[in-house]
Amino acid sequence: MKNFIKVLSFLSVFFVFAVLSTEKGFAASDDSQTSVSAVKVTITNDLTGEQTVITPEEVSSESNGDTLIKGYEVLIPLEEEKSSGLIQPMDSGGGTKTSNGVKAELYVDYTVNAAKEEIKLNRVWGKWTPTASYYYLSNRTVDAHSGSIWGSVLSKTPTSNSFDYTTGFGYNYFAGGQASPRAWSSAKVHISGMTATSTINLEITYP
C-alpha cells in the first residue's frame, strides 16, 4: 500500500511538471511553419455556401507598455443580384467610400507579460454599420479566446449593432500559429424585401 501511494505521488508530481513544461514550450516555440494571417474577412452566401474573402484596413495599432490595442474595419459592399435574387459582394477589395453595404469593426485590448510568455485579453469591442436603411442584421455573435490550448474563452450574442465586453480574464501561456489568440465577429445581413442573406465574418489574430 505504501509503495502504491509513493508511485501515485510520483505520477502526480510528474504530471504537473509535464503540464507546466508543455505550456512554456508552446509559448516559446517557433510557429513559423503554422503562421496565420493577422486578419481575415469573409462573406458567405447563406444559400449556396460560396465564400468571398475581402481585404480590411488596419485602423488601430497602439501600445502602452505591455498593453496593446489592435483593430480593423472593412466596408463590405453588398447588392442584390437581380438574376438570382441573392445578396452578392460587389467586389473583393473592401469596397469604396461610396459603396453601399455594411461596415464591420473589431478591436481587441490585450496585455503580454515582460517575458513574452503569457497573455491576457482585457477587452473586445466593435460594431456593424449599415450604410443604407434597407440593410439590417441578425444572428450577431462575438467570440474570442486568449489561446486555443490554455486560454480563456469569450462568447457573446449582441442584441444591437455595437458591442463592448470587458473579459476579466487572467494571464495564460499562449502559442502561435493555428492556436494563436484571436477574436471574431459575425452577423447575418438582410436586404429589406429579400429572403436571401449573407453572413459576414471578421477575425483578428493577436498578438
N, C-alpha and C. Protein backbone atom coordinates (compact mmCIF):
# COMPACT_ATOMS: atom_id res chain seq x y z
N MET A 1 0.84 -1.21 0.00
CA MET A 1 0.00 0.00 0.00
C MET A 1 0.87 1.26 0.00
N LYS A 2 1.96 1.25 0.82
CA LYS A 2 2.84 2.41 0.88
C LYS A 2 3.52 2.63 -0.47
N ASN A 3 3.92 1.50 -1.11
CA ASN A 3 4.55 1.63 -2.42
C ASN A 3 3.59 2.23 -3.44
N PHE A 4 2.32 1.83 -3.35
CA PHE A 4 1.31 2.36 -4.27
C PHE A 4 1.15 3.87 -4.09
N ILE A 5 1.11 4.32 -2.82
CA ILE A 5 0.97 5.75 -2.54
C ILE A 5 2.18 6.51 -3.07
N LYS A 6 3.39 5.93 -2.91
CA LYS A 6 4.59 6.59 -3.42
C LYS A 6 4.54 6.74 -4.93
N VAL A 7 4.12 5.66 -5.60
CA VAL A 7 4.02 5.70 -7.06
C VAL A 7 2.99 6.73 -7.50
N LEU A 8 1.85 6.76 -6.81
CA LEU A 8 0.80 7.72 -7.15
C LEU A 8 1.28 9.15 -6.96
N SER A 9 2.00 9.40 -5.87
CA SER A 9 2.52 10.75 -5.61
C SER A 9 3.52 11.15 -6.68
N PHE A 10 4.38 10.20 -7.07
CA PHE A 10 5.37 10.50 -8.11
C PHE A 10 4.69 10.84 -9.43
N LEU A 11 3.67 10.07 -9.79
CA LEU A 11 2.97 10.32 -11.04
C LEU A 11 2.28 11.68 -11.02
N SER A 12 1.72 12.06 -9.86
CA SER A 12 1.04 13.35 -9.75
C SER A 12 2.03 14.49 -9.96
N VAL A 13 3.18 14.41 -9.32
CA VAL A 13 4.21 15.45 -9.47
C VAL A 13 4.70 15.50 -10.90
N PHE A 14 4.90 14.33 -11.50
CA PHE A 14 5.38 14.26 -12.89
C PHE A 14 4.38 14.89 -13.84
N PHE A 15 3.09 14.64 -13.59
CA PHE A 15 2.05 15.20 -14.46
C PHE A 15 2.03 16.73 -14.39
N VAL A 16 2.10 17.29 -13.19
CA VAL A 16 2.11 18.74 -13.03
C VAL A 16 3.32 19.34 -13.73
N PHE A 17 4.49 18.71 -13.55
CA PHE A 17 5.70 19.21 -14.20
C PHE A 17 5.57 19.16 -15.71
N ALA A 18 4.99 18.08 -16.22
CA ALA A 18 4.83 17.93 -17.67
C ALA A 18 3.90 18.99 -18.23
N VAL A 19 2.82 19.28 -17.52
CA VAL A 19 1.87 20.29 -17.98
C VAL A 19 2.53 21.66 -18.04
N LEU A 20 3.24 22.03 -16.97
CA LEU A 20 3.91 23.34 -16.94
C LEU A 20 4.97 23.44 -18.03
N SER A 21 5.71 22.36 -18.25
CA SER A 21 6.73 22.37 -19.28
C SER A 21 6.12 22.51 -20.65
N THR A 22 4.99 21.85 -20.86
CA THR A 22 4.31 21.93 -22.15
C THR A 22 3.80 23.33 -22.40
N GLU A 23 3.22 23.96 -21.37
CA GLU A 23 2.72 25.32 -21.52
C GLU A 23 3.83 26.25 -21.98
N LYS A 24 4.99 26.18 -21.30
CA LYS A 24 6.09 27.07 -21.65
C LYS A 24 6.64 26.71 -23.02
N GLY A 25 6.61 25.42 -23.35
CA GLY A 25 7.08 25.00 -24.66
C GLY A 25 6.24 25.58 -25.77
N PHE A 26 4.94 25.59 -25.60
CA PHE A 26 4.06 26.19 -26.59
C PHE A 26 4.32 27.68 -26.71
N ALA A 27 4.51 28.34 -25.57
CA ALA A 27 4.69 29.78 -25.59
C ALA A 27 5.99 30.17 -26.28
N ALA A 28 7.03 29.34 -26.13
CA ALA A 28 8.34 29.70 -26.65
C ALA A 28 8.63 29.09 -28.01
N SER A 29 7.76 28.24 -28.51
CA SER A 29 8.04 27.51 -29.74
C SER A 29 8.02 28.42 -30.95
N ASP A 30 8.76 28.00 -32.00
CA ASP A 30 8.78 28.74 -33.26
C ASP A 30 7.65 28.21 -34.12
N ASP A 31 6.65 29.05 -34.38
CA ASP A 31 5.48 28.61 -35.12
C ASP A 31 5.48 29.13 -36.55
N SER A 32 6.66 29.36 -37.12
CA SER A 32 6.72 29.92 -38.46
C SER A 32 6.09 29.01 -39.49
N GLN A 33 6.08 27.70 -39.23
CA GLN A 33 5.51 26.78 -40.19
C GLN A 33 3.99 26.75 -40.13
N THR A 34 3.41 27.31 -39.06
CA THR A 34 1.96 27.30 -38.94
C THR A 34 1.43 28.71 -38.76
N SER A 35 2.13 29.70 -39.32
CA SER A 35 1.72 31.08 -39.16
C SER A 35 0.38 31.32 -39.84
N VAL A 36 -0.36 32.27 -39.31
CA VAL A 36 -1.68 32.59 -39.84
C VAL A 36 -1.76 34.08 -40.10
N SER A 37 -2.70 34.46 -40.95
CA SER A 37 -2.90 35.86 -41.26
C SER A 37 -3.40 36.60 -40.03
N ALA A 38 -2.99 37.89 -39.89
CA ALA A 38 -3.39 38.68 -38.73
C ALA A 38 -4.87 39.02 -38.76
N VAL A 39 -5.48 39.02 -39.93
CA VAL A 39 -6.90 39.36 -40.04
C VAL A 39 -7.49 38.65 -41.25
N LYS A 40 -8.76 38.27 -41.13
CA LYS A 40 -9.44 37.60 -42.23
C LYS A 40 -10.90 38.05 -42.25
N VAL A 41 -11.38 38.44 -43.43
CA VAL A 41 -12.77 38.85 -43.60
C VAL A 41 -13.39 37.98 -44.69
N THR A 42 -14.51 37.35 -44.37
CA THR A 42 -15.20 36.53 -45.36
C THR A 42 -16.68 36.89 -45.42
N ILE A 43 -17.23 36.76 -46.63
CA ILE A 43 -18.67 36.87 -46.85
C ILE A 43 -19.14 35.51 -47.34
N THR A 44 -20.13 34.95 -46.67
CA THR A 44 -20.66 33.65 -47.06
C THR A 44 -22.09 33.80 -47.57
N ASN A 45 -22.33 33.34 -48.78
CA ASN A 45 -23.69 33.29 -49.31
C ASN A 45 -24.42 32.17 -48.57
N ASP A 46 -25.44 32.52 -47.80
CA ASP A 46 -26.09 31.53 -46.94
C ASP A 46 -26.88 30.49 -47.71
N LEU A 47 -27.18 30.76 -48.97
CA LEU A 47 -27.92 29.79 -49.78
C LEU A 47 -26.98 28.82 -50.47
N THR A 48 -25.91 29.33 -51.07
CA THR A 48 -25.01 28.49 -51.86
C THR A 48 -23.78 28.03 -51.08
N GLY A 49 -23.45 28.73 -49.98
CA GLY A 49 -22.24 28.41 -49.23
C GLY A 49 -20.98 29.01 -49.82
N GLU A 50 -21.10 29.73 -50.92
CA GLU A 50 -19.93 30.33 -51.56
C GLU A 50 -19.34 31.42 -50.66
N GLN A 51 -18.01 31.43 -50.56
CA GLN A 51 -17.32 32.40 -49.71
C GLN A 51 -16.46 33.35 -50.55
N THR A 52 -16.46 34.61 -50.16
CA THR A 52 -15.61 35.63 -50.77
C THR A 52 -14.76 36.25 -49.67
N VAL A 53 -13.46 36.39 -49.94
CA VAL A 53 -12.53 36.99 -48.98
C VAL A 53 -12.29 38.44 -49.36
N ILE A 54 -12.35 39.32 -48.37
CA ILE A 54 -12.19 40.76 -48.58
C ILE A 54 -11.02 41.27 -47.75
N THR A 55 -10.31 42.25 -48.26
CA THR A 55 -9.16 42.83 -47.57
C THR A 55 -9.59 43.99 -46.68
N PRO A 56 -9.35 43.91 -45.37
CA PRO A 56 -9.74 45.00 -44.46
C PRO A 56 -8.63 46.04 -44.33
N GLU A 57 -8.91 47.08 -43.59
CA GLU A 57 -7.93 48.12 -43.31
C GLU A 57 -7.65 48.14 -41.81
N GLU A 58 -6.35 48.12 -41.46
CA GLU A 58 -5.98 48.23 -40.04
C GLU A 58 -6.15 49.68 -39.61
N VAL A 59 -6.97 49.92 -38.61
CA VAL A 59 -7.27 51.29 -38.20
C VAL A 59 -6.74 51.61 -36.81
N SER A 60 -6.27 50.60 -36.10
CA SER A 60 -5.76 50.86 -34.75
C SER A 60 -4.66 49.87 -34.41
N SER A 61 -3.51 50.38 -34.04
CA SER A 61 -2.42 49.55 -33.55
C SER A 61 -1.64 50.40 -32.55
N GLU A 62 -2.01 50.29 -31.28
CA GLU A 62 -1.46 51.15 -30.25
C GLU A 62 -0.84 50.30 -29.14
N SER A 63 0.13 50.86 -28.46
CA SER A 63 0.73 50.17 -27.32
C SER A 63 0.99 51.15 -26.19
N ASN A 64 0.81 50.65 -24.98
CA ASN A 64 1.10 51.43 -23.78
C ASN A 64 1.81 50.49 -22.81
N GLY A 65 3.13 50.42 -22.95
CA GLY A 65 3.87 49.44 -22.18
C GLY A 65 3.60 48.05 -22.72
N ASP A 66 3.14 47.17 -21.85
CA ASP A 66 2.84 45.80 -22.25
C ASP A 66 1.42 45.63 -22.76
N THR A 67 0.60 46.69 -22.69
CA THR A 67 -0.78 46.61 -23.14
C THR A 67 -0.90 47.15 -24.56
N LEU A 68 -1.58 46.39 -25.42
CA LEU A 68 -1.69 46.75 -26.82
C LEU A 68 -3.14 46.74 -27.26
N ILE A 69 -3.45 47.54 -28.28
CA ILE A 69 -4.76 47.56 -28.91
C ILE A 69 -4.57 47.30 -30.40
N LYS A 70 -5.35 46.39 -30.94
CA LYS A 70 -5.31 46.11 -32.37
C LYS A 70 -6.74 46.17 -32.90
N GLY A 71 -6.94 46.81 -34.04
CA GLY A 71 -8.29 46.93 -34.57
C GLY A 71 -8.31 47.02 -36.09
N TYR A 72 -9.40 46.53 -36.68
CA TYR A 72 -9.58 46.57 -38.12
C TYR A 72 -11.01 46.98 -38.44
N GLU A 73 -11.17 47.59 -39.61
CA GLU A 73 -12.51 47.86 -40.12
C GLU A 73 -12.54 47.53 -41.61
N VAL A 74 -13.71 47.17 -42.10
CA VAL A 74 -13.86 46.86 -43.52
C VAL A 74 -15.27 47.22 -43.95
N LEU A 75 -15.38 47.87 -45.10
CA LEU A 75 -16.68 48.11 -45.71
C LEU A 75 -16.97 46.95 -46.64
N ILE A 76 -18.02 46.23 -46.35
CA ILE A 76 -18.39 45.06 -47.14
C ILE A 76 -19.52 45.47 -48.08
N PRO A 77 -19.21 45.72 -49.36
CA PRO A 77 -20.21 46.22 -50.30
C PRO A 77 -21.09 45.08 -50.80
N LEU A 78 -22.38 45.19 -50.55
CA LEU A 78 -23.32 44.13 -50.92
C LEU A 78 -24.43 44.70 -51.78
N GLU A 79 -24.91 43.88 -52.71
CA GLU A 79 -26.02 44.29 -53.56
C GLU A 79 -26.84 43.07 -53.93
N GLU A 80 -28.05 43.31 -54.36
CA GLU A 80 -28.91 42.23 -54.82
C GLU A 80 -28.55 41.90 -56.26
N GLU A 81 -28.31 40.61 -56.51
CA GLU A 81 -28.09 40.16 -57.88
C GLU A 81 -29.45 39.85 -58.48
N LYS A 82 -29.88 40.67 -59.42
CA LYS A 82 -31.25 40.61 -59.93
C LYS A 82 -31.62 39.25 -60.51
N SER A 83 -30.68 38.61 -61.21
CA SER A 83 -31.00 37.36 -61.89
C SER A 83 -31.26 36.21 -60.93
N SER A 84 -30.58 36.23 -59.77
CA SER A 84 -30.70 35.12 -58.84
C SER A 84 -31.44 35.48 -57.56
N GLY A 85 -31.57 36.78 -57.28
CA GLY A 85 -32.19 37.20 -56.03
C GLY A 85 -31.29 37.02 -54.82
N LEU A 86 -29.98 36.79 -55.05
CA LEU A 86 -29.04 36.59 -53.96
C LEU A 86 -28.35 37.89 -53.59
N ILE A 87 -27.82 37.95 -52.35
CA ILE A 87 -27.01 39.09 -51.93
C ILE A 87 -25.56 38.74 -52.24
N GLN A 88 -24.92 39.55 -53.08
CA GLN A 88 -23.57 39.26 -53.53
C GLN A 88 -22.65 40.44 -53.21
N PRO A 89 -21.35 40.16 -52.93
CA PRO A 89 -20.39 41.25 -52.78
C PRO A 89 -20.14 41.90 -54.13
N MET A 90 -20.00 43.23 -54.15
CA MET A 90 -19.78 43.94 -55.40
C MET A 90 -18.34 43.82 -55.87
N ASP A 91 -17.39 43.62 -54.97
CA ASP A 91 -16.00 43.41 -55.35
C ASP A 91 -15.30 42.75 -54.19
N SER A 92 -14.01 42.45 -54.36
CA SER A 92 -13.27 41.76 -53.30
C SER A 92 -12.20 42.65 -52.69
N GLY A 93 -12.30 43.96 -52.92
CA GLY A 93 -11.27 44.86 -52.42
C GLY A 93 -11.65 45.65 -51.20
N GLY A 94 -12.78 45.34 -50.59
CA GLY A 94 -13.18 46.06 -49.39
C GLY A 94 -14.07 47.25 -49.67
N GLY A 95 -14.45 47.44 -50.93
CA GLY A 95 -15.40 48.50 -51.25
C GLY A 95 -14.75 49.87 -51.35
N THR A 96 -15.57 50.88 -51.60
CA THR A 96 -15.12 52.26 -51.64
C THR A 96 -15.98 53.07 -50.69
N LYS A 97 -15.61 54.32 -50.49
CA LYS A 97 -16.35 55.16 -49.56
C LYS A 97 -17.78 55.43 -50.04
N THR A 98 -18.03 55.23 -51.34
CA THR A 98 -19.37 55.49 -51.87
C THR A 98 -20.18 54.22 -52.03
N SER A 99 -19.59 53.05 -51.73
CA SER A 99 -20.31 51.79 -51.86
C SER A 99 -21.36 51.66 -50.77
N ASN A 100 -22.41 50.91 -51.07
CA ASN A 100 -23.40 50.57 -50.05
C ASN A 100 -23.14 49.16 -49.55
N GLY A 101 -23.41 48.96 -48.29
CA GLY A 101 -23.17 47.66 -47.69
C GLY A 101 -23.17 47.78 -46.18
N VAL A 102 -22.29 47.03 -45.54
CA VAL A 102 -22.16 47.05 -44.08
C VAL A 102 -20.69 47.20 -43.72
N LYS A 103 -20.39 48.18 -42.87
CA LYS A 103 -19.02 48.33 -42.36
C LYS A 103 -18.91 47.58 -41.04
N ALA A 104 -17.91 46.71 -40.95
CA ALA A 104 -17.66 45.94 -39.74
C ALA A 104 -16.38 46.44 -39.09
N GLU A 105 -16.40 46.58 -37.75
CA GLU A 105 -15.22 46.99 -36.99
C GLU A 105 -15.03 46.05 -35.81
N LEU A 106 -13.77 45.73 -35.52
CA LEU A 106 -13.46 44.84 -34.40
C LEU A 106 -12.12 45.26 -33.80
N TYR A 107 -12.08 45.35 -32.46
CA TYR A 107 -10.89 45.78 -31.74
C TYR A 107 -10.65 44.86 -30.55
N VAL A 108 -9.37 44.65 -30.22
CA VAL A 108 -9.00 43.90 -29.02
C VAL A 108 -7.97 44.69 -28.22
N ASP A 109 -8.08 44.60 -26.91
CA ASP A 109 -7.13 45.19 -25.97
C ASP A 109 -6.54 44.03 -25.17
N TYR A 110 -5.22 43.87 -25.23
CA TYR A 110 -4.60 42.72 -24.55
C TYR A 110 -3.26 43.12 -23.96
N THR A 111 -2.79 42.33 -23.01
CA THR A 111 -1.52 42.59 -22.33
C THR A 111 -0.63 41.35 -22.44
N VAL A 112 0.63 41.56 -22.78
CA VAL A 112 1.63 40.49 -22.83
C VAL A 112 2.64 40.74 -21.72
N ASN A 113 2.97 39.71 -20.95
CA ASN A 113 3.89 39.93 -19.83
C ASN A 113 5.31 40.20 -20.33
N ALA A 114 6.17 40.64 -19.42
CA ALA A 114 7.52 41.08 -19.80
C ALA A 114 8.33 39.96 -20.45
N ALA A 115 8.08 38.74 -20.06
CA ALA A 115 8.82 37.61 -20.63
C ALA A 115 8.28 37.16 -21.98
N LYS A 116 7.18 37.77 -22.41
CA LYS A 116 6.55 37.43 -23.70
C LYS A 116 6.07 35.98 -23.74
N GLU A 117 5.74 35.43 -22.57
CA GLU A 117 5.27 34.05 -22.50
C GLU A 117 3.79 33.95 -22.18
N GLU A 118 3.24 34.99 -21.53
CA GLU A 118 1.84 34.94 -21.11
C GLU A 118 1.08 36.13 -21.67
N ILE A 119 -0.22 35.92 -21.87
CA ILE A 119 -1.06 36.95 -22.46
C ILE A 119 -2.37 37.05 -21.67
N LYS A 120 -2.96 38.24 -21.68
CA LYS A 120 -4.25 38.46 -21.02
C LYS A 120 -5.11 39.31 -21.94
N LEU A 121 -6.25 38.78 -22.33
CA LEU A 121 -7.20 39.53 -23.15
C LEU A 121 -8.07 40.37 -22.22
N ASN A 122 -8.02 41.70 -22.39
CA ASN A 122 -8.73 42.60 -21.48
C ASN A 122 -10.11 43.00 -21.98
N ARG A 123 -10.23 43.25 -23.27
CA ARG A 123 -11.46 43.86 -23.78
C ARG A 123 -11.62 43.55 -25.26
N VAL A 124 -12.88 43.38 -25.69
CA VAL A 124 -13.23 43.18 -27.10
C VAL A 124 -14.40 44.12 -27.41
N TRP A 125 -14.28 44.90 -28.49
CA TRP A 125 -15.38 45.80 -28.84
C TRP A 125 -15.41 46.04 -30.34
N GLY A 126 -16.52 46.58 -30.81
CA GLY A 126 -16.66 46.86 -32.23
C GLY A 126 -18.10 47.17 -32.58
N LYS A 127 -18.39 47.15 -33.89
CA LYS A 127 -19.75 47.44 -34.33
C LYS A 127 -19.92 47.08 -35.80
N TRP A 128 -21.18 47.04 -36.20
CA TRP A 128 -21.56 46.92 -37.60
C TRP A 128 -22.37 48.16 -37.97
N THR A 129 -22.07 48.75 -39.11
CA THR A 129 -22.76 49.97 -39.52
C THR A 129 -23.32 49.81 -40.93
N PRO A 130 -24.62 49.55 -41.07
CA PRO A 130 -25.22 49.52 -42.41
C PRO A 130 -25.16 50.92 -43.04
N THR A 131 -24.83 50.99 -44.31
CA THR A 131 -24.71 52.29 -44.97
C THR A 131 -26.03 52.78 -45.54
N ALA A 132 -27.05 51.96 -45.51
CA ALA A 132 -28.37 52.36 -46.01
C ALA A 132 -29.44 51.69 -45.15
N SER A 133 -30.61 52.28 -45.10
CA SER A 133 -31.67 51.81 -44.20
C SER A 133 -32.23 50.46 -44.61
N TYR A 134 -32.04 50.06 -45.86
CA TYR A 134 -32.61 48.78 -46.29
C TYR A 134 -31.73 47.58 -45.92
N TYR A 135 -30.56 47.82 -45.34
CA TYR A 135 -29.76 46.73 -44.78
C TYR A 135 -30.08 46.58 -43.30
N TYR A 136 -30.24 45.35 -42.85
CA TYR A 136 -30.38 45.12 -41.42
C TYR A 136 -29.73 43.79 -41.06
N LEU A 137 -29.43 43.62 -39.76
CA LEU A 137 -28.62 42.49 -39.31
C LEU A 137 -29.36 41.61 -38.32
N SER A 138 -28.98 40.35 -38.29
CA SER A 138 -29.47 39.40 -37.28
C SER A 138 -28.34 38.42 -36.98
N ASN A 139 -28.60 37.51 -36.05
CA ASN A 139 -27.64 36.44 -35.73
C ASN A 139 -26.24 36.99 -35.44
N ARG A 140 -26.18 38.04 -34.65
CA ARG A 140 -24.88 38.64 -34.31
C ARG A 140 -24.18 37.79 -33.25
N THR A 141 -22.91 37.54 -33.45
CA THR A 141 -22.11 36.83 -32.46
C THR A 141 -20.74 37.47 -32.35
N VAL A 142 -20.18 37.41 -31.14
CA VAL A 142 -18.82 37.89 -30.89
C VAL A 142 -18.12 36.83 -30.04
N ASP A 143 -16.97 36.38 -30.49
CA ASP A 143 -16.22 35.35 -29.78
C ASP A 143 -14.76 35.74 -29.70
N ALA A 144 -14.09 35.23 -28.69
CA ALA A 144 -12.65 35.47 -28.54
C ALA A 144 -12.07 34.41 -27.63
N HIS A 145 -10.78 34.16 -27.80
CA HIS A 145 -10.07 33.33 -26.83
C HIS A 145 -8.64 33.84 -26.73
N SER A 146 -8.02 33.60 -25.60
CA SER A 146 -6.65 34.06 -25.36
C SER A 146 -5.66 32.92 -25.59
N GLY A 147 -5.99 32.04 -26.53
CA GLY A 147 -5.16 30.89 -26.86
C GLY A 147 -6.00 29.63 -26.83
N SER A 148 -6.06 28.90 -27.95
CA SER A 148 -6.99 27.77 -28.03
C SER A 148 -6.55 26.58 -27.19
N ILE A 149 -5.29 26.57 -26.72
CA ILE A 149 -4.81 25.43 -25.94
C ILE A 149 -5.04 25.65 -24.44
N TRP A 150 -4.57 26.80 -23.93
CA TRP A 150 -4.67 27.04 -22.49
C TRP A 150 -5.51 28.26 -22.15
N GLY A 151 -6.03 28.98 -23.12
CA GLY A 151 -6.64 30.28 -22.87
C GLY A 151 -8.07 30.26 -22.40
N SER A 152 -8.55 31.44 -22.03
CA SER A 152 -9.94 31.65 -21.64
C SER A 152 -10.77 31.98 -22.88
N VAL A 153 -12.10 31.81 -22.76
CA VAL A 153 -12.99 31.95 -23.91
C VAL A 153 -14.09 32.97 -23.61
N LEU A 154 -14.38 33.82 -24.59
CA LEU A 154 -15.49 34.76 -24.53
C LEU A 154 -16.46 34.42 -25.65
N SER A 155 -17.75 34.35 -25.36
CA SER A 155 -18.76 34.07 -26.39
C SER A 155 -20.02 34.87 -26.07
N LYS A 156 -20.38 35.80 -26.96
CA LYS A 156 -21.50 36.71 -26.73
C LYS A 156 -22.40 36.77 -27.96
N THR A 157 -23.65 37.18 -27.71
CA THR A 157 -24.62 37.40 -28.80
C THR A 157 -25.21 38.80 -28.64
N PRO A 158 -24.58 39.80 -29.23
CA PRO A 158 -25.07 41.18 -29.08
C PRO A 158 -26.50 41.34 -29.59
N THR A 159 -27.26 42.19 -28.93
CA THR A 159 -28.64 42.45 -29.36
C THR A 159 -28.76 43.74 -30.16
N SER A 160 -27.63 44.44 -30.34
CA SER A 160 -27.62 45.65 -31.16
C SER A 160 -26.40 45.61 -32.07
N ASN A 161 -26.23 46.65 -32.87
CA ASN A 161 -25.14 46.66 -33.84
C ASN A 161 -23.81 47.14 -33.28
N SER A 162 -23.74 47.35 -31.96
CA SER A 162 -22.46 47.69 -31.33
C SER A 162 -22.29 46.84 -30.08
N PHE A 163 -21.04 46.64 -29.68
CA PHE A 163 -20.76 45.78 -28.53
C PHE A 163 -19.46 46.23 -27.88
N ASP A 164 -19.34 45.93 -26.59
CA ASP A 164 -18.14 46.28 -25.82
C ASP A 164 -18.10 45.37 -24.60
N TYR A 165 -17.13 44.47 -24.56
CA TYR A 165 -17.06 43.49 -23.48
C TYR A 165 -15.70 43.55 -22.79
N THR A 166 -15.73 43.69 -21.46
CA THR A 166 -14.53 43.55 -20.64
C THR A 166 -14.49 42.11 -20.16
N THR A 167 -13.37 41.42 -20.38
CA THR A 167 -13.35 39.97 -20.19
C THR A 167 -13.16 39.53 -18.74
N GLY A 168 -12.31 40.22 -17.98
CA GLY A 168 -11.98 39.74 -16.65
C GLY A 168 -11.03 38.56 -16.65
N PHE A 169 -10.43 38.24 -17.81
CA PHE A 169 -9.51 37.11 -17.90
C PHE A 169 -8.21 37.40 -17.15
N GLY A 170 -7.56 36.34 -16.70
CA GLY A 170 -6.22 36.44 -16.17
C GLY A 170 -5.20 36.07 -17.24
N TYR A 171 -3.93 35.99 -16.83
CA TYR A 171 -2.87 35.62 -17.76
C TYR A 171 -2.91 34.12 -18.05
N ASN A 172 -2.47 33.75 -19.25
CA ASN A 172 -2.26 32.35 -19.59
C ASN A 172 -1.13 32.25 -20.61
N TYR A 173 -0.46 31.10 -20.63
CA TYR A 173 0.53 30.86 -21.67
C TYR A 173 -0.18 30.82 -23.02
N PHE A 174 0.54 31.20 -24.08
CA PHE A 174 -0.09 31.19 -25.39
C PHE A 174 0.88 30.67 -26.45
N ALA A 175 0.30 30.13 -27.50
CA ALA A 175 1.06 29.60 -28.62
C ALA A 175 0.84 30.47 -29.84
N GLY A 176 1.55 30.17 -30.91
CA GLY A 176 1.35 30.87 -32.17
C GLY A 176 0.66 29.98 -33.18
N GLY A 177 0.71 30.38 -34.43
CA GLY A 177 0.13 29.58 -35.49
C GLY A 177 -1.37 29.42 -35.34
N GLN A 178 -1.86 28.22 -35.62
CA GLN A 178 -3.30 27.98 -35.58
C GLN A 178 -3.88 28.08 -34.17
N ALA A 179 -3.03 28.00 -33.14
CA ALA A 179 -3.50 28.09 -31.76
C ALA A 179 -3.42 29.51 -31.21
N SER A 180 -3.09 30.48 -32.07
CA SER A 180 -2.92 31.86 -31.62
C SER A 180 -4.19 32.42 -30.99
N PRO A 181 -4.05 33.32 -30.01
CA PRO A 181 -5.21 34.05 -29.51
C PRO A 181 -5.90 34.79 -30.65
N ARG A 182 -7.24 34.87 -30.59
CA ARG A 182 -7.96 35.55 -31.66
C ARG A 182 -9.34 36.01 -31.19
N ALA A 183 -9.92 36.91 -31.98
CA ALA A 183 -11.28 37.39 -31.74
C ALA A 183 -11.98 37.47 -33.08
N TRP A 184 -13.30 37.25 -33.08
CA TRP A 184 -14.03 37.34 -34.34
C TRP A 184 -15.48 37.74 -34.09
N SER A 185 -16.03 38.43 -35.08
CA SER A 185 -17.44 38.83 -35.03
C SER A 185 -18.13 38.32 -36.29
N SER A 186 -19.42 38.05 -36.16
CA SER A 186 -20.18 37.52 -37.28
C SER A 186 -21.60 38.07 -37.22
N ALA A 187 -22.17 38.32 -38.38
CA ALA A 187 -23.56 38.80 -38.45
C ALA A 187 -24.16 38.42 -39.79
N LYS A 188 -25.45 38.16 -39.77
CA LYS A 188 -26.19 37.85 -40.99
C LYS A 188 -26.79 39.14 -41.54
N VAL A 189 -26.55 39.40 -42.83
CA VAL A 189 -27.02 40.63 -43.48
C VAL A 189 -28.26 40.35 -44.31
N HIS A 190 -29.29 41.18 -44.09
CA HIS A 190 -30.54 41.11 -44.86
C HIS A 190 -30.70 42.39 -45.66
N ILE A 191 -31.40 42.29 -46.78
CA ILE A 191 -31.85 43.46 -47.52
C ILE A 191 -33.37 43.45 -47.51
N SER A 192 -33.97 44.55 -47.11
CA SER A 192 -35.43 44.62 -47.00
C SER A 192 -36.10 44.14 -48.29
N GLY A 193 -37.11 43.28 -48.12
CA GLY A 193 -37.85 42.78 -49.27
C GLY A 193 -37.26 41.54 -49.89
N MET A 194 -36.11 41.08 -49.39
CA MET A 194 -35.47 39.88 -49.92
C MET A 194 -35.43 38.78 -48.86
N THR A 195 -35.46 37.54 -49.31
CA THR A 195 -35.34 36.42 -48.38
C THR A 195 -33.90 35.93 -48.29
N ALA A 196 -33.10 36.14 -49.32
CA ALA A 196 -31.71 35.69 -49.32
C ALA A 196 -30.88 36.51 -48.33
N THR A 197 -29.87 35.88 -47.74
CA THR A 197 -28.99 36.54 -46.77
C THR A 197 -27.54 36.16 -47.03
N SER A 198 -26.64 36.96 -46.49
CA SER A 198 -25.21 36.63 -46.48
C SER A 198 -24.70 36.84 -45.06
N THR A 199 -23.69 36.07 -44.68
CA THR A 199 -23.07 36.20 -43.37
C THR A 199 -21.67 36.78 -43.51
N ILE A 200 -21.40 37.83 -42.74
CA ILE A 200 -20.08 38.46 -42.77
C ILE A 200 -19.32 38.10 -41.50
N ASN A 201 -18.04 37.79 -41.66
CA ASN A 201 -17.21 37.37 -40.54
C ASN A 201 -15.89 38.13 -40.58
N LEU A 202 -15.54 38.76 -39.45
CA LEU A 202 -14.27 39.49 -39.31
C LEU A 202 -13.49 38.85 -38.17
N GLU A 203 -12.29 38.37 -38.46
CA GLU A 203 -11.49 37.66 -37.46
C GLU A 203 -10.10 38.30 -37.33
N ILE A 204 -9.70 38.56 -36.09
CA ILE A 204 -8.38 39.13 -35.80
C ILE A 204 -7.57 38.10 -35.01
N THR A 205 -6.34 37.89 -35.44
CA THR A 205 -5.40 37.07 -34.68
C THR A 205 -4.40 38.00 -33.98
N TYR A 206 -4.15 37.76 -32.73
CA TYR A 206 -3.23 38.61 -31.97
C TYR A 206 -2.39 37.73 -31.05
N PRO A 207 -1.24 38.12 -30.54
CA PRO A 207 -0.63 39.44 -30.66
C PRO A 207 0.04 39.60 -32.01
